[in-house]
Amino acid sequence: SGKKREIQYAQMLNGSLPVFSQFG
């Protein structure tokens, strides 16, 4: 709740998306 902020995926140094599945 509260004020909404525009957020997006953080920039990785290698250019990939910082989405990490916890299943391996």
PDB file of all heavy atoms in Angstrom:
ATOM      1  N   SER A   1       0.835  -1.185   0.000  1.00  0.00           N
ATOM      2  CA  SER A   1       0.000   0.000   0.000  1.00  0.00           C
ATOM      3  C   SER A   1       0.877   1.244   0.000  1.00  0.00           C
ATOM      4  O   SER A   1       2.097   1.172   0.006  1.00  0.00           O
ATOM      5  CB  SER A   1      -0.919  -0.013   1.217  1.00  0.00           C
ATOM      6  OG  SER A   1      -0.148  -0.073   2.406  1.00  0.00           O
ATOM      7  N   GLY A   2       0.238   2.409   0.063  1.00  0.00           N
ATOM      8  CA  GLY A   2       1.006   3.644   0.083  1.00  0.00           C
ATOM      9  C   GLY A   2       1.214   4.170  -1.322  1.00  0.00           C
ATOM     10  O   GLY A   2       0.593   3.744  -2.295  1.00  0.00           O
ATOM     11  N   LYS A   3       2.137   5.131  -1.428  1.00  0.00           N
ATOM     12  CA  LYS A   3       2.417   5.742  -2.713  1.00  0.00           C
ATOM     13  C   LYS A   3       3.055   4.744  -3.679  1.00  0.00           C
ATOM     14  O   LYS A   3       3.953   4.014  -3.313  1.00  0.00           O
ATOM     15  CB  LYS A   3       3.339   6.951  -2.528  1.00  0.00           C
ATOM     16  CG  LYS A   3       2.690   8.081  -1.731  1.00  0.00           C
ATOM     17  CD  LYS A   3       3.648   9.257  -1.617  1.00  0.00           C
ATOM     18  CE  LYS A   3       3.001  10.405  -0.850  1.00  0.00           C
ATOM     19  NZ  LYS A   3       3.923  11.554  -0.721  1.00  0.00           N
ATOM     20  N   LYS A   4       2.590   4.755  -4.886  1.00  0.00           N
ATOM     21  CA  LYS A   4       3.131   3.852  -5.889  1.00  0.00           C
ATOM     22  C   LYS A   4       4.354   4.476  -6.556  1.00  0.00           C
ATOM     23  O   LYS A   4       4.401   5.671  -6.816  1.00  0.00           O
ATOM     24  CB  LYS A   4       2.076   3.523  -6.949  1.00  0.00           C
ATOM     25  CG  LYS A   4       0.909   2.707  -6.395  1.00  0.00           C
ATOM     26  CD  LYS A   4      -0.031   2.314  -7.502  1.00  0.00           C
ATOM     27  CE  LYS A   4      -1.172   1.458  -6.975  1.00  0.00           C
ATOM     28  NZ  LYS A   4      -2.096   1.057  -8.038  1.00  0.00           N
ATOM     29  N   ARG A   5       5.333   3.661  -6.809  1.00  0.00           N
ATOM     30  CA  ARG A   5       6.523   4.104  -7.518  1.00  0.00           C
ATOM     31  C   ARG A   5       6.685   3.286  -8.785  1.00  0.00           C
ATOM     32  O   ARG A   5       6.333   2.115  -8.834  1.00  0.00           O
ATOM     33  CB  ARG A   5       7.779   3.925  -6.651  1.00  0.00           C
ATOM     34  CG  ARG A   5       7.872   4.874  -5.472  1.00  0.00           C
ATOM     35  CD  ARG A   5       9.246   4.760  -4.839  1.00  0.00           C
ATOM     36  NE  ARG A   5       9.409   5.666  -3.726  1.00  0.00           N
ATOM     37  CZ  ARG A   5      10.559   5.848  -3.071  1.00  0.00           C
ATOM     38  NH1 ARG A   5      11.621   5.160  -3.429  1.00  0.00           N
ATOM     39  NH2 ARG A   5      10.644   6.696  -2.076  1.00  0.00           N
ATOM     40  N   GLU A   6       7.198   3.939  -9.778  1.00  0.00           N
ATOM     41  CA  GLU A   6       7.515   3.234 -11.007  1.00  0.00           C
ATOM     42  C   GLU A   6       8.813   2.463 -10.805  1.00  0.00           C
ATOM     43  O   GLU A   6       9.863   3.058 -10.583  1.00  0.00           O
ATOM     44  CB  GLU A   6       7.659   4.220 -12.162  1.00  0.00           C
ATOM     45  CG  GLU A   6       6.348   4.846 -12.616  1.00  0.00           C
ATOM     46  CD  GLU A   6       5.406   3.825 -13.237  1.00  0.00           C
ATOM     47  OE1 GLU A   6       5.915   2.850 -13.821  1.00  0.00           O
ATOM     48  OE2 GLU A   6       4.185   3.987 -13.122  1.00  0.00           O
ATOM     49  N   ILE A   7       8.714   1.146 -10.830  1.00  0.00           N
ATOM     50  CA  ILE A   7       9.908   0.329 -10.676  1.00  0.00           C
ATOM     51  C   ILE A   7      10.023  -0.618 -11.848  1.00  0.00           C
ATOM     52  O   ILE A   7       9.026  -1.008 -12.454  1.00  0.00           O
ATOM     53  CB  ILE A   7       9.902  -0.466  -9.348  1.00  0.00           C
ATOM     54  CG1 ILE A   7       8.671  -1.347  -9.250  1.00  0.00           C
ATOM     55  CG2 ILE A   7      10.014   0.448  -8.154  1.00  0.00           C
ATOM     56  CD1 ILE A   7       8.636  -2.195  -8.001  1.00  0.00           C
ATOM     57  N   GLN A   8      11.233  -0.952 -12.188  1.00  0.00           N
ATOM     58  CA  GLN A   8      11.494  -1.841 -13.309  1.00  0.00           C
ATOM     59  C   GLN A   8      12.609  -2.788 -12.922  1.00  0.00           C
ATOM     60  O   GLN A   8      13.221  -2.645 -11.862  1.00  0.00           O
ATOM     61  CB  GLN A   8      11.893  -1.027 -14.541  1.00  0.00           C
ATOM     62  CG  GLN A   8      13.137  -0.173 -14.327  1.00  0.00           C
ATOM     63  CD  GLN A   8      13.464   0.697 -15.516  1.00  0.00           C
ATOM     64  OE1 GLN A   8      12.713   0.720 -16.483  1.00  0.00           O
ATOM     65  NE2 GLN A   8      14.564   1.414 -15.459  1.00  0.00           N
ATOM     66  N   TYR A   9      12.870  -3.779 -13.777  1.00  0.00           N
ATOM     67  CA  TYR A   9      13.927  -4.726 -13.492  1.00  0.00           C
ATOM     68  C   TYR A   9      15.269  -4.007 -13.404  1.00  0.00           C
ATOM     69  O   TYR A   9      15.591  -3.145 -14.225  1.00  0.00           O
ATOM     70  CB  TYR A   9      14.005  -5.810 -14.570  1.00  0.00           C
ATOM     71  CG  TYR A   9      12.881  -6.808 -14.487  1.00  0.00           C
ATOM     72  CD1 TYR A   9      11.945  -6.926 -15.513  1.00  0.00           C
ATOM     73  CD2 TYR A   9      12.756  -7.636 -13.380  1.00  0.00           C
ATOM     74  CE1 TYR A   9      10.907  -7.836 -15.432  1.00  0.00           C
ATOM     75  CE2 TYR A   9      11.722  -8.550 -13.293  1.00  0.00           C
ATOM     76  CZ  TYR A   9      10.803  -8.648 -14.316  1.00  0.00           C
ATOM     77  OH  TYR A   9       9.776  -9.549 -14.221  1.00  0.00           O
ATOM     78  N   ALA A  10      16.043  -4.362 -12.375  1.00  0.00           N
ATOM     79  CA  ALA A  10      17.350  -3.757 -12.189  1.00  0.00           C
ATOM     80  C   ALA A  10      18.280  -4.171 -13.317  1.00  0.00           C
ATOM     81  O   ALA A  10      18.161  -5.263 -13.879  1.00  0.00           O
ATOM     82  CB  ALA A  10      17.936  -4.187 -10.842  1.00  0.00           C
ATOM     83  N   GLN A  11      19.212  -3.292 -13.649  1.00  0.00           N
ATOM     84  CA  GLN A  11      20.156  -3.565 -14.723  1.00  0.00           C
ATOM     85  C   GLN A  11      21.316  -4.404 -14.218  1.00  0.00           C
ATOM     86  O   GLN A  11      21.992  -4.031 -13.271  1.00  0.00           O
ATOM     87  CB  GLN A  11      20.688  -2.242 -15.303  1.00  0.00           C
ATOM     88  CG  GLN A  11      19.631  -1.411 -16.018  1.00  0.00           C
ATOM     89  CD  GLN A  11      19.080  -2.123 -17.235  1.00  0.00           C
ATOM     90  OE1 GLN A  11      19.824  -2.674 -18.038  1.00  0.00           O
ATOM     91  NE2 GLN A  11      17.754  -2.115 -17.378  1.00  0.00           N
ATOM     92  N   MET A  12      21.534  -5.545 -14.840  1.00  0.00           N
ATOM     93  CA  MET A  12      22.663  -6.400 -14.498  1.00  0.00           C
ATOM     94  C   MET A  12      23.886  -5.962 -15.280  1.00  0.00           C
ATOM     95  O   MET A  12      23.777  -5.392 -16.366  1.00  0.00           O
ATOM     96  CB  MET A  12      22.341  -7.861 -14.835  1.00  0.00           C
ATOM     97  CG  MET A  12      21.123  -8.408 -14.110  1.00  0.00           C
ATOM     98  SD  MET A  12      21.465  -8.792 -12.399  1.00  0.00           S
ATOM     99  CE  MET A  12      22.384 -10.310 -12.610  1.00  0.00           C
ATOM    100  N   LEU A  13      25.050  -6.216 -14.710  1.00  0.00           N
ATOM    101  CA  LEU A  13      26.284  -5.831 -15.370  1.00  0.00           C
ATOM    102  C   LEU A  13      26.475  -6.556 -16.697  1.00  0.00           C
ATOM    103  O   LEU A  13      27.085  -6.035 -17.624  1.00  0.00           O
ATOM    104  CB  LEU A  13      27.483  -6.111 -14.451  1.00  0.00           C
ATOM    105  CG  LEU A  13      27.535  -5.265 -13.175  1.00  0.00           C
ATOM    106  CD1 LEU A  13      28.758  -5.674 -12.352  1.00  0.00           C
ATOM    107  CD2 LEU A  13      27.581  -3.781 -13.495  1.00  0.00           C
ATOM    108  N   ASN A  14      25.938  -7.790 -16.789  1.00  0.00           N
ATOM    109  CA  ASN A  14      26.101  -8.547 -18.030  1.00  0.00           C
ATOM    110  C   ASN A  14      24.908  -8.390 -18.975  1.00  0.00           C
ATOM    111  O   ASN A  14      24.813  -9.071 -19.986  1.00  0.00           O
ATOM    112  CB  ASN A  14      26.320 -10.024 -17.719  1.00  0.00           C
ATOM    113  CG  ASN A  14      25.153 -10.633 -16.950  1.00  0.00           C
ATOM    114  OD1 ASN A  14      24.144  -9.982 -16.721  1.00  0.00           O
ATOM    115  ND2 ASN A  14      25.303 -11.883 -16.550  1.00  0.00           N
ATOM    116  N   GLY A  15      23.959  -7.521 -18.608  1.00  0.00           N
ATOM    117  CA  GLY A  15      22.837  -7.244 -19.489  1.00  0.00           C
ATOM    118  C   GLY A  15      21.665  -8.183 -19.378  1.00  0.00           C
ATOM    119  O   GLY A  15      20.658  -7.998 -20.052  1.00  0.00           O
ATOM    120  N   SER A  16      21.739  -9.204 -18.519  1.00  0.00           N
ATOM    121  CA  SER A  16      20.644 -10.174 -18.392  1.00  0.00           C
ATOM    122  C   SER A  16      19.587  -9.668 -17.423  1.00  0.00           C
ATOM    123  O   SER A  16      19.800  -8.728 -16.665  1.00  0.00           O
ATOM    124  CB  SER A  16      21.190 -11.521 -17.909  1.00  0.00           C
ATOM    125  OG  SER A  16      21.785 -11.380 -16.635  1.00  0.00           O
ATOM    126  N   LEU A  17      18.400 -10.326 -17.433  1.00  0.00           N
ATOM    127  CA  LEU A  17      17.321  -9.949 -16.521  1.00  0.00           C
ATOM    128  C   LEU A  17      17.561 -10.565 -15.149  1.00  0.00           C
ATOM    129  O   LEU A  17      17.858 -11.755 -15.042  1.00  0.00           O
ATOM    130  CB  LEU A  17      15.970 -10.425 -17.066  1.00  0.00           C
ATOM    131  CG  LEU A  17      15.353  -9.600 -18.194  1.00  0.00           C
ATOM    132  CD1 LEU A  17      14.042 -10.242 -18.627  1.00  0.00           C
ATOM    133  CD2 LEU A  17      15.116  -8.166 -17.765  1.00  0.00           C
ATOM    134  N   PRO A  18      17.393  -9.786 -14.079  1.00  0.00           N
ATOM    135  CA  PRO A  18      17.631 -10.302 -12.727  1.00  0.00           C
ATOM    136  C   PRO A  18      16.435 -11.043 -12.168  1.00  0.00           C
ATOM    137  O   PRO A  18      15.861 -10.667 -11.153  1.00  0.00           O
ATOM    138  CB  PRO A  18      17.933  -9.033 -11.929  1.00  0.00           C
ATOM    139  CG  PRO A  18      17.117  -7.979 -12.607  1.00  0.00           C
ATOM    140  CD  PRO A  18      17.100  -8.340 -14.069  1.00  0.00           C
ATOM    141  N   VAL A  19      15.982 -12.078 -12.841  1.00  0.00           N
ATOM    142  CA  VAL A  19      14.881 -12.922 -12.394  1.00  0.00           C
ATOM    143  C   VAL A  19      15.451 -14.294 -12.101  1.00  0.00           C
ATOM    144  O   VAL A  19      16.012 -14.939 -12.986  1.00  0.00           O
ATOM    145  CB  VAL A  19      13.783 -13.019 -13.484  1.00  0.00           C
ATOM    146  CG1 VAL A  19      12.634 -13.888 -12.999  1.00  0.00           C
ATOM    147  CG2 VAL A  19      13.292 -11.634 -13.857  1.00  0.00           C
ATOM    148  N   PHE A  20      15.294 -14.748 -10.870  1.00  0.00           N
ATOM    149  CA  PHE A  20      15.993 -15.956 -10.450  1.00  0.00           C
ATOM    150  C   PHE A  20      15.011 -16.964  -9.862  1.00  0.00           C
ATOM    151  O   PHE A  20      14.431 -16.731  -8.804  1.00  0.00           O
ATOM    152  CB  PHE A  20      17.074 -15.620  -9.412  1.00  0.00           C
ATOM    153  CG  PHE A  20      17.982 -14.519  -9.878  1.00  0.00           C
ATOM    154  CD1 PHE A  20      17.901 -13.269  -9.301  1.00  0.00           C
ATOM    155  CD2 PHE A  20      18.889 -14.732 -10.895  1.00  0.00           C
ATOM    156  CE1 PHE A  20      18.719 -12.241  -9.736  1.00  0.00           C
ATOM    157  CE2 PHE A  20      19.718 -13.714 -11.329  1.00  0.00           C
ATOM    158  CZ  PHE A  20      19.634 -12.464 -10.744  1.00  0.00           C
ATOM    159  N   SER A  21      14.798 -18.073 -10.557  1.00  0.00           N
ATOM    160  CA  SER A  21      13.966 -19.154 -10.041  1.00  0.00           C
ATOM    161  C   SER A  21      14.725 -19.908  -8.972  1.00  0.00           C
ATOM    162  O   SER A  21      15.930 -20.118  -9.080  1.00  0.00           O
ATOM    163  CB  SER A  21      13.580 -20.120 -11.167  1.00  0.00           C
ATOM    164  OG  SER A  21      12.956 -21.267 -10.643  1.00  0.00           O
ATOM    165  N   GLN A  22      14.013 -20.291  -7.923  1.00  0.00           N
ATOM    166  CA  GLN A  22      14.661 -21.003  -6.830  1.00  0.00           C
ATOM    167  C   GLN A  22      14.533 -22.517  -6.955  1.00  0.00           C
ATOM    168  O   GLN A  22      14.710 -23.242  -5.990  1.00  0.00           O
ATOM    169  CB  GLN A  22      14.081 -20.534  -5.489  1.00  0.00           C
ATOM    170  CG  GLN A  22      14.540 -19.149  -5.096  1.00  0.00           C
ATOM    171  CD  GLN A  22      16.027 -19.086  -4.825  1.00  0.00           C
ATOM    172  OE1 GLN A  22      16.497 -19.482  -3.771  1.00  0.00           O
ATOM    173  NE2 GLN A  22      16.788 -18.596  -5.780  1.00  0.00           N
ATOM    174  N   PHE A  23      14.184 -23.015  -8.141  1.00  0.00           N
ATOM    175  CA  PHE A  23      14.133 -24.452  -8.375  1.00  0.00           C
ATOM    176  C   PHE A  23      15.302 -24.864  -9.261  1.00  0.00           C
ATOM    177  O   PHE A  23      15.564 -24.235 -10.279  1.00  0.00           O
ATOM    178  CB  PHE A  23      12.823 -24.863  -9.042  1.00  0.00           C
ATOM    179  CG  PHE A  23      11.649 -24.831  -8.114  1.00  0.00           C
ATOM    180  CD1 PHE A  23      10.629 -23.934  -8.315  1.00  0.00           C
ATOM    181  CD2 PHE A  23      11.589 -25.688  -7.035  1.00  0.00           C
ATOM    182  CE1 PHE A  23       9.543 -23.898  -7.469  1.00  0.00           C
ATOM    183  CE2 PHE A  23      10.503 -25.660  -6.182  1.00  0.00           C
ATOM    184  CZ  PHE A  23       9.482 -24.763  -6.389  1.00  0.00           C
ATOM    185  N   GLY A  24      16.009 -25.898  -8.894  1.00  0.00           N
ATOM    186  CA  GLY A  24      17.113 -26.395  -9.701  1.00  0.00           C
ATOM    187  C   GLY A  24      17.096 -27.901  -9.711  1.00  0.00           C
ATOM    188  O   GLY A  24      16.148 -28.533  -9.246  1.00  0.00           O
TER     189      GLY A  24
END
